[in-house]
Amino acid sequence: MATTIRCSRCRRRWRGAANWNITLDFGVPTEIICPDCQTPDEHAEAEINEATTEVSVRSGRIAMHQKWTRP
């Protein structure tokens, strides 16, 4: 049986739309937030993270690493 992903705040169903945020605790998702429930601060933080970090999965956990650019 497939798991349905829903917003942790309003229970809205995720259908592949962009701009959803995930809160992590030691690489494990603890909260999923739809765009309508995000505060402006949460949205800004997500935009900064997207611009400055790369995301990968290691040992079943989500890892975030700083993006490197060559001068």
N, C-alpha and C. Protein backbone atom coordinates (compact mmCIF):
# COMPACT_ATOMS: atom_id res chain seq x y z
N MET A 1 0.84 -1.17 0.00
CA MET A 1 0.00 0.00 0.00
C MET A 1 0.89 1.25 0.00
N ALA A 2 0.60 2.18 -0.87
CA ALA A 2 1.39 3.40 -0.99
C ALA A 2 1.06 4.37 0.15
N THR A 3 2.07 5.12 0.55
CA THR A 3 1.88 6.13 1.58
C THR A 3 1.44 7.43 0.94
N THR A 4 0.39 8.05 1.46
CA THR A 4 -0.08 9.33 0.97
C THR A 4 0.63 10.42 1.75
N ILE A 5 1.26 11.35 1.02
CA ILE A 5 1.97 12.45 1.67
C ILE A 5 0.99 13.60 1.85
N ARG A 6 0.92 14.09 3.09
CA ARG A 6 -0.01 15.18 3.42
C ARG A 6 0.71 16.27 4.21
N CYS A 7 0.20 17.48 4.11
CA CYS A 7 0.72 18.60 4.90
C CYS A 7 0.51 18.30 6.38
N SER A 8 1.53 18.54 7.16
CA SER A 8 1.45 18.28 8.60
C SER A 8 0.52 19.25 9.31
N ARG A 9 0.22 20.37 8.70
CA ARG A 9 -0.61 21.38 9.35
C ARG A 9 -2.08 21.34 8.92
N CYS A 10 -2.33 21.29 7.60
CA CYS A 10 -3.72 21.35 7.12
C CYS A 10 -4.21 20.01 6.54
N ARG A 11 -3.33 19.04 6.42
CA ARG A 11 -3.64 17.70 5.90
C ARG A 11 -3.92 17.68 4.40
N ARG A 12 -3.58 18.76 3.68
CA ARG A 12 -3.73 18.81 2.23
C ARG A 12 -2.83 17.75 1.60
N ARG A 13 -3.31 17.11 0.56
CA ARG A 13 -2.58 16.03 -0.10
C ARG A 13 -1.56 16.60 -1.10
N TRP A 14 -0.34 16.06 -1.07
CA TRP A 14 0.69 16.44 -2.02
C TRP A 14 0.48 15.70 -3.33
N ARG A 15 0.42 16.43 -4.43
CA ARG A 15 0.20 15.82 -5.74
C ARG A 15 1.31 16.20 -6.72
N GLY A 16 2.53 16.24 -6.22
CA GLY A 16 3.68 16.54 -7.07
C GLY A 16 3.93 18.01 -7.30
N ALA A 17 3.22 18.87 -6.59
CA ALA A 17 3.38 20.32 -6.76
C ALA A 17 4.71 20.78 -6.15
N ALA A 18 5.17 21.93 -6.63
CA ALA A 18 6.43 22.50 -6.13
C ALA A 18 6.19 23.32 -4.86
N ASN A 19 7.27 23.74 -4.25
CA ASN A 19 7.29 24.67 -3.11
C ASN A 19 6.80 24.08 -1.80
N TRP A 20 6.81 22.77 -1.65
CA TRP A 20 6.52 22.16 -0.37
C TRP A 20 7.81 22.09 0.42
N ASN A 21 7.76 22.27 1.73
CA ASN A 21 8.94 22.21 2.59
C ASN A 21 8.92 20.95 3.45
N ILE A 22 10.11 20.47 3.75
CA ILE A 22 10.27 19.32 4.64
C ILE A 22 11.17 19.73 5.78
N THR A 23 10.74 19.52 7.01
CA THR A 23 11.56 19.74 8.18
C THR A 23 12.22 18.42 8.55
N LEU A 24 13.53 18.46 8.75
CA LEU A 24 14.29 17.25 9.05
C LEU A 24 14.80 17.26 10.48
N ASP A 25 14.87 16.08 11.08
CA ASP A 25 15.49 15.89 12.38
C ASP A 25 16.49 14.75 12.23
N PHE A 26 17.77 15.08 12.20
CA PHE A 26 18.84 14.11 11.97
C PHE A 26 18.62 13.34 10.67
N GLY A 27 18.17 14.06 9.62
CA GLY A 27 18.00 13.46 8.30
C GLY A 27 16.70 12.71 8.08
N VAL A 28 15.83 12.71 9.08
CA VAL A 28 14.54 12.02 8.96
C VAL A 28 13.43 13.08 8.89
N PRO A 29 12.56 13.02 7.87
CA PRO A 29 11.48 14.01 7.78
C PRO A 29 10.55 13.94 8.99
N THR A 30 10.30 15.10 9.60
CA THR A 30 9.40 15.16 10.75
C THR A 30 8.17 16.00 10.46
N GLU A 31 8.26 16.86 9.43
CA GLU A 31 7.12 17.71 9.10
C GLU A 31 7.18 18.03 7.61
N ILE A 32 6.04 17.97 6.95
CA ILE A 32 5.91 18.34 5.54
C ILE A 32 4.89 19.47 5.49
N ILE A 33 5.27 20.59 4.85
CA ILE A 33 4.44 21.79 4.89
C ILE A 33 4.10 22.25 3.48
N CYS A 34 2.81 22.41 3.19
CA CYS A 34 2.37 22.88 1.87
C CYS A 34 2.62 24.39 1.76
N PRO A 35 2.64 24.93 0.54
CA PRO A 35 2.90 26.36 0.35
C PRO A 35 1.91 27.27 1.09
N ASP A 36 0.65 26.86 1.19
CA ASP A 36 -0.35 27.69 1.86
C ASP A 36 -0.11 27.81 3.36
N CYS A 37 0.52 26.81 3.97
CA CYS A 37 0.74 26.81 5.42
C CYS A 37 2.09 27.38 5.82
N GLN A 38 2.98 27.61 4.87
CA GLN A 38 4.31 28.13 5.18
C GLN A 38 4.25 29.58 5.60
N THR A 39 5.03 29.92 6.60
CA THR A 39 5.18 31.32 6.96
C THR A 39 6.16 31.96 5.98
N PRO A 40 6.16 33.29 5.88
CA PRO A 40 7.14 33.94 5.00
C PRO A 40 8.59 33.58 5.38
N ASP A 41 8.86 33.44 6.67
CA ASP A 41 10.21 33.07 7.11
C ASP A 41 10.58 31.66 6.66
N GLU A 42 9.65 30.72 6.74
CA GLU A 42 9.90 29.35 6.29
C GLU A 42 10.15 29.31 4.79
N HIS A 43 9.38 30.09 4.06
CA HIS A 43 9.55 30.13 2.60
C HIS A 43 10.92 30.72 2.24
N ALA A 44 11.31 31.80 2.91
CA ALA A 44 12.61 32.43 2.65
C ALA A 44 13.75 31.46 2.99
N GLU A 45 13.64 30.77 4.10
CA GLU A 45 14.66 29.80 4.49
C GLU A 45 14.79 28.70 3.44
N ALA A 46 13.68 28.23 2.91
CA ALA A 46 13.70 27.18 1.89
C ALA A 46 14.37 27.68 0.61
N GLU A 47 14.10 28.92 0.22
CA GLU A 47 14.73 29.47 -0.97
C GLU A 47 16.24 29.59 -0.80
N ILE A 48 16.68 30.01 0.38
CA ILE A 48 18.12 30.11 0.66
C ILE A 48 18.75 28.72 0.65
N ASN A 49 18.10 27.75 1.28
CA ASN A 49 18.63 26.39 1.29
C ASN A 49 18.73 25.81 -0.12
N GLU A 50 17.72 26.07 -0.94
CA GLU A 50 17.74 25.55 -2.30
C GLU A 50 18.90 26.13 -3.10
N ALA A 51 19.23 27.40 -2.85
CA ALA A 51 20.29 28.07 -3.59
C ALA A 51 21.68 27.67 -3.10
N THR A 52 21.80 27.24 -1.84
CA THR A 52 23.13 27.03 -1.26
C THR A 52 23.46 25.60 -0.88
N THR A 53 22.51 24.67 -0.98
CA THR A 53 22.78 23.29 -0.55
C THR A 53 22.37 22.28 -1.61
N GLU A 54 23.04 21.13 -1.55
CA GLU A 54 22.68 19.98 -2.37
C GLU A 54 22.10 18.93 -1.43
N VAL A 55 21.15 18.17 -1.93
CA VAL A 55 20.48 17.16 -1.11
C VAL A 55 20.78 15.78 -1.67
N SER A 56 21.08 14.83 -0.78
CA SER A 56 21.30 13.45 -1.19
C SER A 56 20.71 12.54 -0.12
N VAL A 57 20.59 11.26 -0.45
CA VAL A 57 20.09 10.28 0.51
C VAL A 57 21.22 9.30 0.80
N ARG A 58 21.55 9.15 2.07
CA ARG A 58 22.60 8.22 2.49
C ARG A 58 22.08 7.39 3.65
N SER A 59 22.18 6.11 3.51
CA SER A 59 21.74 5.17 4.56
C SER A 59 20.31 5.43 4.99
N GLY A 60 19.46 5.79 4.02
CA GLY A 60 18.06 6.01 4.32
C GLY A 60 17.75 7.35 4.96
N ARG A 61 18.74 8.22 5.07
CA ARG A 61 18.52 9.55 5.66
C ARG A 61 18.84 10.62 4.64
N ILE A 62 18.19 11.75 4.76
CA ILE A 62 18.42 12.86 3.86
C ILE A 62 19.59 13.67 4.38
N ALA A 63 20.56 13.91 3.51
CA ALA A 63 21.75 14.69 3.88
C ALA A 63 21.81 15.95 3.04
N MET A 64 22.16 17.07 3.67
CA MET A 64 22.30 18.34 2.96
C MET A 64 23.76 18.77 3.05
N HIS A 65 24.31 19.18 1.90
CA HIS A 65 25.70 19.58 1.83
C HIS A 65 25.79 20.92 1.11
N GLN A 66 26.78 21.72 1.50
CA GLN A 66 26.98 23.01 0.86
C GLN A 66 27.35 22.82 -0.60
N LYS A 67 26.75 23.63 -1.48
CA LYS A 67 27.10 23.61 -2.89
C LYS A 67 28.48 24.25 -3.05
N TRP A 68 29.27 23.67 -3.89
CA TRP A 68 30.62 24.21 -4.15
C TRP A 68 30.65 24.77 -5.55
N THR A 69 31.21 25.94 -5.68
CA THR A 69 31.40 26.54 -7.00
C THR A 69 32.88 26.82 -7.18
N ARG A 70 33.33 26.66 -8.40
CA ARG A 70 34.75 26.95 -8.68
C ARG A 70 34.89 28.40 -9.05
N PRO A 71 35.95 29.03 -8.56
CA PRO A 71 36.17 30.46 -8.88
C PRO A 71 36.51 30.68 -10.33
